[in-house]
C-alpha atoms as a PDB file:
ATOM      1  CA  MET A   1      48.210 206.548  41.733  1.00  0.00           C
ATOM      2  CA  CYS A   2      49.519 209.384  39.524  1.00  0.00           C
ATOM      3  CA  LEU A   3      47.468 208.487  36.358  1.00  0.00           C
ATOM      4  CA  ILE A   4      44.067 207.013  36.189  1.00  0.00           C
ATOM      5  CA  VAL A   5      42.065 206.569  32.993  1.00  0.00           C
ATOM      6  CA  LEU A   6      38.683 204.929  33.618  1.00  0.00           C
ATOM      7  CA  ALA A   7      35.384 203.912  31.634  1.00  0.00           C
ATOM      8  CA  TRP A   8      32.278 204.035  33.838  1.00  0.00           C
ATOM      9  CA  LYS A   9      29.479 202.153  32.372  1.00  0.00           C
ATOM     10  CA  SER A  10      30.645 202.643  29.021  1.00  0.00           C
ATOM     11  CA  HIS A  11      31.334 199.163  27.839  1.00  0.00           C
ATOM     12  CA  PRO A  12      28.406 196.485  27.355  1.00  0.00           C
ATOM     13  CA  ASP A  13      30.327 193.848  29.665  1.00  0.00           C
ATOM     14  CA  TYR A  14      32.662 195.720  31.902  1.00  0.00           C
ATOM     15  CA  PRO A  15      30.917 198.832  34.018  1.00  0.00           C
ATOM     16  CA  LEU A  16      34.085 199.701  35.328  1.00  0.00           C
ATOM     17  CA  VAL A  17      37.310 199.630  33.540  1.00  0.00           C
ATOM     18  CA  VAL A  18      40.387 201.292  35.195  1.00  0.00           C
ATOM     19  CA  ALA A  19      43.990 201.690  33.756  1.00  0.00           C
ATOM     20  CA  ALA A  20      46.384 203.221  36.197  1.00  0.00           C
ATOM     21  CA  ASN A  21      50.038 203.981  37.180  1.00  0.00           C
ATOM     22  CA  ARG A  22      51.453 204.353  40.237  1.00  0.00           C
ATOM     23  CA  ASP A  23      54.392 206.721  40.334  1.00  0.00           C
ATOM     24  CA  GLU A  24      56.784 206.927  43.388  1.00  0.00           C
ATOM     25  CA  PHE A  25      60.361 207.405  44.738  1.00  0.00           C
ATOM     26  CA  LEU A  26      62.207 204.315  43.822  1.00  0.00           C
ATOM     27  CA  ASP A  27      63.546 203.764  47.598  1.00  0.00           C
ATOM     28  CA  ARG A  28      59.899 203.447  49.079  1.00  0.00           C
ATOM     29  CA  ALA A  29      58.937 200.070  49.800  1.00  0.00           C
ATOM     30  CA  ALA A  30      55.731 198.595  48.548  1.00  0.00           C
ATOM     31  CA  SER A  31      54.198 195.109  47.988  1.00  0.00           C
ATOM     32  CA  PRO A  32      52.184 194.138  45.054  1.00  0.00           C
ATOM     33  CA  ALA A  33      48.346 193.625  45.216  1.00  0.00           C
ATOM     34  CA  HIS A  34      47.285 191.028  47.742  1.00  0.00           C
ATOM     35  CA  TRP A  35      44.413 190.134  50.141  1.00  0.00           C
ATOM     36  CA  TRP A  36      45.326 191.822  53.294  1.00  0.00           C
ATOM     37  CA  SER A  37      45.671 189.580  56.519  1.00  0.00           C
ATOM     38  CA  ASP A  38      44.478 192.330  58.774  1.00  0.00           C
ATOM     39  CA  SER A  39      41.602 193.288  56.427  1.00  0.00           C
ATOM     40  CA  PRO A  40      40.763 190.182  54.676  1.00  0.00           C
ATOM     41  CA  ASP A  41      38.090 191.573  52.272  1.00  0.00           C
ATOM     42  CA  LEU A  42      40.515 194.100  50.602  1.00  0.00           C
ATOM     43  CA  LEU A  43      42.693 193.453  47.716  1.00  0.00           C
ATOM     44  CA  ALA A  44      45.293 195.989  47.141  1.00  0.00           C
ATOM     45  CA  GLY A  45      49.084 196.773  46.748  1.00  0.00           C
ATOM     46  CA  ARG A  46      50.329 198.279  50.359  1.00  0.00           C
ATOM     47  CA  ASP A  47      53.056 201.340  51.066  1.00  0.00           C
ATOM     48  CA  LEU A  48      55.331 199.540  53.670  1.00  0.00           C
ATOM     49  CA  GLU A  49      56.296 202.659  54.946  1.00  0.00           C
ATOM     50  CA  ALA A  50      53.148 204.278  56.014  1.00  0.00           C
ATOM     51  CA  GLY A  51      50.544 201.105  55.776  1.00  0.00           C
ATOM     52  CA  GLY A  52      48.166 202.544  53.223  1.00  0.00           C
ATOM     53  CA  THR A  53      47.151 202.033  49.444  1.00  0.00           C
ATOM     54  CA  TRP A  54      46.991 203.750  46.244  1.00  0.00           C
ATOM     55  CA  MET A  55      44.087 201.740  44.895  1.00  0.00           C
ATOM     56  CA  GLY A  56      41.966 198.844  45.972  1.00  0.00           C
ATOM     57  CA  LEU A  57      38.911 196.551  45.576  1.00  0.00           C
ATOM     58  CA  THR A  58      36.863 194.602  47.966  1.00  0.00           C
ATOM     59  CA  ARG A  59      34.959 191.159  47.612  1.00  0.00           C
ATOM     60  CA  SER A  60      31.989 193.163  47.449  1.00  0.00           C
ATOM     61  CA  GLY A  61      32.971 194.933  44.599  1.00  0.00           C
ATOM     62  CA  ARG A  62      33.876 198.382  46.030  1.00  0.00           C
ATOM     63  CA  PHE A  63      36.744 200.335  44.384  1.00  0.00           C
ATOM     64  CA  ALA A  64      38.888 203.281  45.593  1.00  0.00           C
ATOM     65  CA  ALA A  65      41.864 204.917  44.206  1.00  0.00           C
ATOM     66  CA  LEU A  66      43.826 208.201  45.198  1.00  0.00           C
ATOM     67  CA  THR A  67      46.143 210.766  43.371  1.00  0.00           C
ATOM     68  CA  ASN A  68      48.191 213.356  45.020  1.00  0.00           C
ATOM     69  CA  TYR A  69      47.382 216.821  43.987  1.00  0.00           C
ATOM     70  CA  ARG A  70      50.702 218.398  42.914  1.00  0.00           C
ATOM     71  CA  ASP A  71      51.541 221.971  44.292  1.00  0.00           C
ATOM     72  CA  PRO A  72      54.912 222.525  45.826  1.00  0.00           C
ATOM     73  CA  GLU A  73      53.753 225.511  47.567  1.00  0.00           C
ATOM     74  CA  GLN A  74      51.248 223.506  49.452  1.00  0.00           C
ATOM     75  CA  ARG A  75      53.790 220.716  50.391  1.00  0.00           C
ATOM     76  CA  ARG A  76      52.866 219.834  54.008  1.00  0.00           C
ATOM     77  CA  THR A  77      54.772 217.501  56.711  1.00  0.00           C
ATOM     78  CA  GLY A  78      53.798 215.730  59.737  1.00  0.00           C
ATOM     79  CA  VAL A  79      50.184 214.987  58.387  1.00  0.00           C
ATOM     80  CA  PRO A  80      48.476 211.299  57.847  1.00  0.00           C
ATOM     81  CA  SER A  81      49.322 209.241  54.795  1.00  0.00           C
ATOM     82  CA  ARG A  82      46.676 209.770  52.238  1.00  0.00           C
ATOM     83  CA  GLY A  83      46.987 206.276  51.430  1.00  0.00           C
ATOM     84  CA  LEU A  84      45.149 205.588  54.696  1.00  0.00           C
ATOM     85  CA  LEU A  85      41.826 207.154  52.920  1.00  0.00           C
ATOM     86  CA  VAL A  86      41.783 204.415  50.170  1.00  0.00           C
ATOM     87  CA  ARG A  87      41.450 201.900  52.915  1.00  0.00           C
ATOM     88  CA  GLU A  88      38.863 203.921  54.958  1.00  0.00           C
ATOM     89  CA  ALA A  89      36.856 204.012  51.747  1.00  0.00           C
ATOM     90  CA  LEU A  90      37.098 200.618  51.044  1.00  0.00           C
ATOM     91  CA  GLU A  91      36.162 199.205  54.525  1.00  0.00           C
ATOM     92  CA  ALA A  92      33.168 201.582  54.890  1.00  0.00           C
ATOM     93  CA  SER A  93      29.499 200.245  54.647  1.00  0.00           C
ATOM     94  CA  THR A  94      27.975 203.294  53.320  1.00  0.00           C
ATOM     95  CA  ASP A  95      27.180 204.075  49.541  1.00  0.00           C
ATOM     96  CA  THR A  96      29.353 206.269  47.522  1.00  0.00           C
ATOM     97  CA  GLN A  97      27.820 209.734  48.397  1.00  0.00           C
ATOM     98  CA  THR A  98      28.032 209.147  51.951  1.00  0.00           C
ATOM     99  CA  THR A  99      31.416 207.702  52.225  1.00  0.00           C
ATOM    100  CA  LEU A 100      32.925 210.581  50.160  1.00  0.00           C
ATOM    101  CA  GLU A 101      31.326 213.073  52.182  1.00  0.00           C
ATOM    102  CA  HIS A 102      32.443 211.606  55.320  1.00  0.00           C
ATOM    103  CA  ILE A 103      35.973 211.661  54.028  1.00  0.00           C
ATOM    104  CA  ALA A 104      35.429 215.122  52.848  1.00  0.00           C
ATOM    105  CA  ARG A 105      34.996 216.382  56.437  1.00  0.00           C
ATOM    106  CA  SER A 106      38.407 215.516  57.631  1.00  0.00           C
ATOM    107  CA  SER A 107      40.332 215.826  54.188  1.00  0.00           C
ATOM    108  CA  SER A 108      42.007 219.363  55.272  1.00  0.00           C
ATOM    109  CA  ASP A 109      43.944 217.033  57.718  1.00  0.00           C
ATOM    110  CA  TYR A 110      45.839 215.734  54.705  1.00  0.00           C
ATOM    111  CA  ALA A 111      48.169 217.119  52.039  1.00  0.00           C
ATOM    112  CA  GLY A 112      45.946 217.752  48.575  1.00  0.00           C
ATOM    113  CA  PHE A 113      44.470 214.621  46.978  1.00  0.00           C
ATOM    114  CA  ASN A 114      41.750 213.277  44.637  1.00  0.00           C
ATOM    115  CA  LEU A 115      39.636 210.115  45.704  1.00  0.00           C
ATOM    116  CA  LEU A 116      37.675 208.224  43.164  1.00  0.00           C
ATOM    117  CA  PHE A 117      35.389 205.639  44.955  1.00  0.00           C
ATOM    118  CA  SER A 118      32.632 203.253  43.645  1.00  0.00           C
ATOM    119  CA  ASP A 119      30.174 201.189  45.908  1.00  0.00           C
ATOM    120  CA  GLY A 120      29.628 198.951  42.805  1.00  0.00           C
ATOM    121  CA  ALA A 121      26.254 201.041  41.821  1.00  0.00           C
ATOM    122  CA  ARG A 122      27.651 204.596  41.720  1.00  0.00           C
ATOM    123  CA  LEU A 123      31.048 206.327  40.972  1.00  0.00           C
ATOM    124  CA  GLY A 124      32.116 209.426  42.576  1.00  0.00           C
ATOM    125  CA  ILE A 125      35.002 211.651  43.416  1.00  0.00           C
ATOM    126  CA  HIS A 126      36.121 214.048  46.387  1.00  0.00           C
ATOM    127  CA  GLU A 127      38.847 216.514  45.350  1.00  0.00           C
ATOM    128  CA  SER A 128      40.381 217.878  48.518  1.00  0.00           C
ATOM    129  CA  THR A 129      41.647 221.198  47.050  1.00  0.00           C
ATOM    130  CA  SER A 130      38.032 222.170  46.182  1.00  0.00           C
ATOM    131  CA  GLY A 131      36.299 220.433  48.660  1.00  0.00           C
ATOM    132  CA  ALA A 132      33.781 218.984  46.138  1.00  0.00           C
ATOM    133  CA  VAL A 133      32.200 215.718  46.294  1.00  0.00           C
ATOM    134  CA  ARG A 134      30.163 214.755  43.157  1.00  0.00           C
ATOM    135  CA  LEU A 135      28.780 211.637  41.399  1.00  0.00           C
ATOM    136  CA  LEU A 136      29.929 210.966  37.779  1.00  0.00           C
ATOM    137  CA  GLU A 137      27.838 210.050  35.011  1.00  0.00           C
ATOM    138  CA  PRO A 138      28.741 207.327  32.450  1.00  0.00           C
ATOM    139  CA  GLY A 139      31.729 208.318  30.609  1.00  0.00           C
ATOM    140  CA  ILE A 140      35.586 208.223  30.013  1.00  0.00           C
ATOM    141  CA  TYR A 141      37.517 210.075  32.570  1.00  0.00           C
ATOM    142  CA  GLY A 142      41.188 210.890  33.450  1.00  0.00           C
ATOM    143  CA  LEU A 143      42.744 211.857  36.507  1.00  0.00           C
ATOM    144  CA  SER A 144      46.412 212.751  37.347  1.00  0.00           C
ATOM    145  CA  ASN A 145      48.067 215.188  39.898  1.00  0.00           C
ATOM    146  CA  HIS A 146      45.525 217.834  39.339  1.00  0.00           C
ATOM    147  CA  LEU A 147      41.673 217.858  39.082  1.00  0.00           C
ATOM    148  CA  LEU A 148      39.486 215.512  37.119  1.00  0.00           C
ATOM    149  CA  ASP A 149      39.871 215.755  33.437  1.00  0.00           C
ATOM    150  CA  SER A 150      42.441 218.495  33.745  1.00  0.00           C
ATOM    151  CA  PRO A 151      43.687 219.198  30.041  1.00  0.00           C
ATOM    152  CA  TRP A 152      47.046 217.973  30.673  1.00  0.00           C
ATOM    153  CA  PRO A 153      48.486 216.273  27.246  1.00  0.00           C
ATOM    154  CA  LYS A 154      49.155 213.001  28.813  1.00  0.00           C
ATOM    155  CA  LEU A 155      45.748 212.707  30.271  1.00  0.00           C
ATOM    156  CA  LYS A 156      44.294 213.382  26.615  1.00  0.00           C
ATOM    157  CA  LEU A 157      46.406 210.908  25.134  1.00  0.00           C
ATOM    158  CA  ALA A 158      45.529 208.295  27.690  1.00  0.00           C
ATOM    159  CA  ARG A 159      41.800 208.740  27.583  1.00  0.00           C
ATOM    160  CA  GLU A 160      42.027 208.579  23.888  1.00  0.00           C
ATOM    161  CA  ALA A 161      43.830 205.130  24.136  1.00  0.00           C
ATOM    162  CA  LEU A 162      41.557 203.835  26.817  1.00  0.00           C
ATOM    163  CA  THR A 163      38.511 204.558  24.391  1.00  0.00           C
ATOM    164  CA  ALA A 164      40.433 202.833  21.510  1.00  0.00           C
ATOM    165  CA  ALA A 165      41.111 199.852  23.790  1.00  0.00           C
ATOM    166  CA  LEU A 166      37.855 199.290  25.116  1.00  0.00           C
ATOM    167  CA  PRO A 167      36.620 197.075  22.174  1.00  0.00           C
ATOM    168  CA  THR A 168      39.606 194.790  22.605  1.00  0.00           C
ATOM    169  CA  LEU A 169      38.486 193.718  26.013  1.00  0.00           C
ATOM    170  CA  PRO A 170      39.041 191.162  27.721  1.00  0.00           C
ATOM    171  CA  ALA A 171      42.500 191.182  26.353  1.00  0.00           C
ATOM    172  CA  ASN A 172      44.874 193.657  28.152  1.00  0.00           C
ATOM    173  CA  ALA A 173      47.531 194.378  25.520  1.00  0.00           C
ATOM    174  CA  ALA A 174      46.120 197.538  24.477  1.00  0.00           C
ATOM    175  CA  PHE A 175      45.623 198.844  28.212  1.00  0.00           C
ATOM    176  CA  LEU A 176      49.448 197.746  28.942  1.00  0.00           C
ATOM    177  CA  ASP A 177      50.551 199.840  25.945  1.00  0.00           C
ATOM    178  CA  LEU A 178      48.717 203.045  27.106  1.00  0.00           C
ATOM    179  CA  MET A 179      50.166 202.679  30.653  1.00  0.00           C
ATOM    180  CA  ARG A 180      53.798 202.247  29.098  1.00  0.00           C
ATOM    181  CA  ASP A 181      53.489 205.013  26.735  1.00  0.00           C
ATOM    182  CA  THR A 182      56.776 207.225  27.112  1.00  0.00           C
ATOM    183  CA  THR A 183      55.803 209.888  24.716  1.00  0.00           C
ATOM    184  CA  ALA A 184      57.163 213.190  25.921  1.00  0.00           C
ATOM    185  CA  VAL A 185      55.299 216.301  25.708  1.00  0.00           C
ATOM    186  CA  PRO A 186      56.851 219.221  23.796  1.00  0.00           C
ATOM    187  CA  ASP A 187      57.916 222.244  26.205  1.00  0.00           C
ATOM    188  CA  GLN A 188      55.209 224.539  24.780  1.00  0.00           C
ATOM    189  CA  HIS A 189      52.354 221.931  25.698  1.00  0.00           C
ATOM    190  CA  LEU A 190      53.741 221.222  29.356  1.00  0.00           C
ATOM    191  CA  PRO A 191      51.461 222.039  32.265  1.00  0.00           C
ATOM    192  CA  GLN A 192      53.021 224.515  34.857  1.00  0.00           C
ATOM    193  CA  THR A 193      52.570 222.679  38.341  1.00  0.00           C
ATOM    194  CA  GLY A 194      55.039 224.449  40.348  1.00  0.00           C
ATOM    195  CA  VAL A 195      58.143 222.154  39.586  1.00  0.00           C
ATOM    196  CA  SER A 196      61.212 222.920  37.417  1.00  0.00           C
ATOM    197  CA  LEU A 197      60.908 222.597  33.574  1.00  0.00           C
ATOM    198  CA  GLU A 198      63.133 219.402  33.780  1.00  0.00           C
ATOM    199  CA  TRP A 199      60.719 217.874  36.023  1.00  0.00           C
ATOM    200  CA  GLU A 200      57.728 218.736  34.101  1.00  0.00           C
ATOM    201  CA  ARG A 201      59.603 217.101  30.989  1.00  0.00           C
ATOM    202  CA  TRP A 202      60.260 213.815  33.258  1.00  0.00           C
ATOM    203  CA  LEU A 203      56.691 213.808  34.552  1.00  0.00           C
ATOM    204  CA  SER A 204      54.825 214.606  31.145  1.00  0.00           C
ATOM    205  CA  PRO A 205      54.739 210.958  29.842  1.00  0.00           C
ATOM    206  CA  ALA A 206      52.216 208.308  31.119  1.00  0.00           C
ATOM    207  CA  PHE A 207      55.318 206.004  32.222  1.00  0.00           C
ATOM    208  CA  ILE A 208      57.842 207.920  34.001  1.00  0.00           C
ATOM    209  CA  ARG A 209      61.476 207.370  34.170  1.00  0.00           C
ATOM    210  CA  ALA A 210      63.371 210.046  36.225  1.00  0.00           C
ATOM    211  CA  PRO A 211      66.212 210.222  38.839  1.00  0.00           C
ATOM    212  CA  GLY A 212      65.257 208.484  41.822  1.00  0.00           C
ATOM    213  CA  TYR A 213      61.588 208.381  40.779  1.00  0.00           C
ATOM    214  CA  GLY A 214      59.279 206.599  38.260  1.00  0.00           C
ATOM    215  CA  THR A 215      56.407 204.590  37.632  1.00  0.00           C
ATOM    216  CA  ARG A 216      56.494 201.739  40.091  1.00  0.00           C
ATOM    217  CA  CYS A 217      53.313 199.443  38.868  1.00  0.00           C
ATOM    218  CA  SER A 218      50.707 199.577  36.373  1.00  0.00           C
ATOM    219  CA  SER A 219      47.195 198.265  37.229  1.00  0.00           C
ATOM    220  CA  LEU A 220      44.177 197.000  35.188  1.00  0.00           C
ATOM    221  CA  VAL A 221      40.812 196.692  36.953  1.00  0.00           C
ATOM    222  CA  LEU A 222      37.694 195.050  35.247  1.00  0.00           C
ATOM    223  CA  LEU A 223      34.499 194.828  37.118  1.00  0.00           C
ATOM    224  CA  GLY A 224      32.039 192.751  34.827  1.00  0.00           C
ATOM    225  CA  ARG A 225      28.277 192.535  34.551  1.00  0.00           C
ATOM    226  CA  ASP A 226      28.599 188.985  35.213  1.00  0.00           C
ATOM    227  CA  ALA A 227      29.738 189.903  39.045  1.00  0.00           C
ATOM    228  CA  GLU A 228      33.365 188.993  38.469  1.00  0.00           C
ATOM    229  CA  ALA A 229      36.264 191.163  39.190  1.00  0.00           C
ATOM    230  CA  ARG A 230      39.739 191.112  37.737  1.00  0.00           C
ATOM    231  CA  PHE A 231      42.811 192.925  38.999  1.00  0.00           C
ATOM    232  CA  THR A 232      46.107 192.689  37.099  1.00  0.00           C
ATOM    233  CA  GLU A 233      49.199 194.625  38.260  1.00  0.00           C
ATOM    234  CA  TRP A 234      52.447 194.837  36.671  1.00  0.00           C
ATOM    235  CA  THR A 235      55.680 196.006  38.821  1.00  0.00           C
ATOM    236  CA  TRP A 236      58.412 197.815  37.218  1.00  0.00           C
ATOM    237  CA  ALA A 237      62.046 197.765  38.011  1.00  0.00           C
ATOM    238  CA  ALA A 238      64.070 201.094  38.152  1.00  0.00           C
ATOM    239  CA  ASP A 239      65.119 200.650  34.594  1.00  0.00           C
ATOM    240  CA  GLY A 240      61.571 200.220  33.320  1.00  0.00           C
ATOM    241  CA  ARG A 241      61.870 196.438  32.945  1.00  0.00           C
ATOM    242  CA  LEU A 242      59.117 193.996  34.053  1.00  0.00           C
ATOM    243  CA  ARG A 243      60.038 192.901  37.670  1.00  0.00           C
ATOM    244  CA  ASN A 244      56.766 190.697  38.264  1.00  0.00           C
ATOM    245  CA  SER A 245      53.105 190.651  37.770  1.00  0.00           C
ATOM    246  CA  VAL A 246      50.201 189.331  39.618  1.00  0.00           C
ATOM    247  CA  SER A 247      46.534 188.622  38.504  1.00  0.00           C
ATOM    248  CA  HIS A 248      43.515 188.395  40.874  1.00  0.00           C
ATOM    249  CA  ARG A 249      40.097 187.200  39.260  1.00  0.00           C
ATOM    250  CA  TYR A 250      37.184 186.372  41.805  1.00  0.00           C
ATOM    251  CA  PRO A 251      33.412 186.540  42.145  1.00  0.00           C
ATOM    252  CA  ILE A 252      31.921 189.695  43.564  1.00  0.00           C
ATOM    253  CA  ALA A 253      30.075 188.851  46.625  1.00  0.00           C
ATOM    254  CA  ALA A 254      26.556 188.222  46.546  1.00  0.00           C
ATOM    255  CA  SER A 255      25.871 190.813  49.104  1.00  0.00           C
ATOM    256  CA  SER A 256      27.369 193.608  47.235  1.00  0.00           C
ATOM    257  CA  ASP A 257      25.605 196.780  46.546  1.00  0.00           C
ATOM    258  CA  ALA A 258      26.915 196.575  42.877  1.00  0.00           C
ATOM    259  CA  GLN A 259      23.945 196.292  40.479  1.00  0.00           C
ATOM    260  CA  PHE A 260      25.661 197.083  37.095  1.00  0.00           C
ATOM    261  CA  PRO A 261      22.502 197.923  35.192  1.00  0.00           C
ATOM    262  CA  PRO A 262      23.014 198.365  31.369  1.00  0.00           C
ATOM    263  CA  PRO A 263      24.636 201.416  30.313  1.00  0.00           C
END
């Protein structure tokens, strides 16, 4: 993913609400969210080049999502795909803190990334560039290609839009609007991430359309206090039009560690 905004234990009916965009090169093949035949408890889209994923859920209510850390000076080749870490977190049987600490021990083997993970009871993040692992308190969070809640304009707008959209649940229109926002950022407010000014402009909206690159899919994840999971994903064509959508809704397994106490 390249844009994730989420509400953790901030809604009375949905302890976890996630709206996210996956930005990627247009020629990189991927499949929409589905139950994996080689990991039957895992629901996620799949990168058909490296075999990993950018975001996923499990039948027991585990959630993981990853963003790349943008720093051209630290670009690395010949390293494992970061998408494999999402699968590793989802297939683990340990709690949030332990899972993230285990991944942190080998995160230097990968290009820079941020990994959000929840076992259903707790939500945490590992930022590989700082080495930090921390559990998150209830609240509204935003993550793009830098550290959690970096003051990028599109993150600020997306967090505000998520906050405004929460009262409309379970409808998804307001969440889709925030993920489809093409508002460009004025040059004086653009972050400086090591790419050209032209690319900073292209990457500044929540929904990206750039030469050979753009927002490939948008996702909405709802984990309910009624122990039901909902995962909706919209896939976009190169010109930004809707190509297809999938929706999965299922009961979270009774063996889940997810407890979802009142916020």
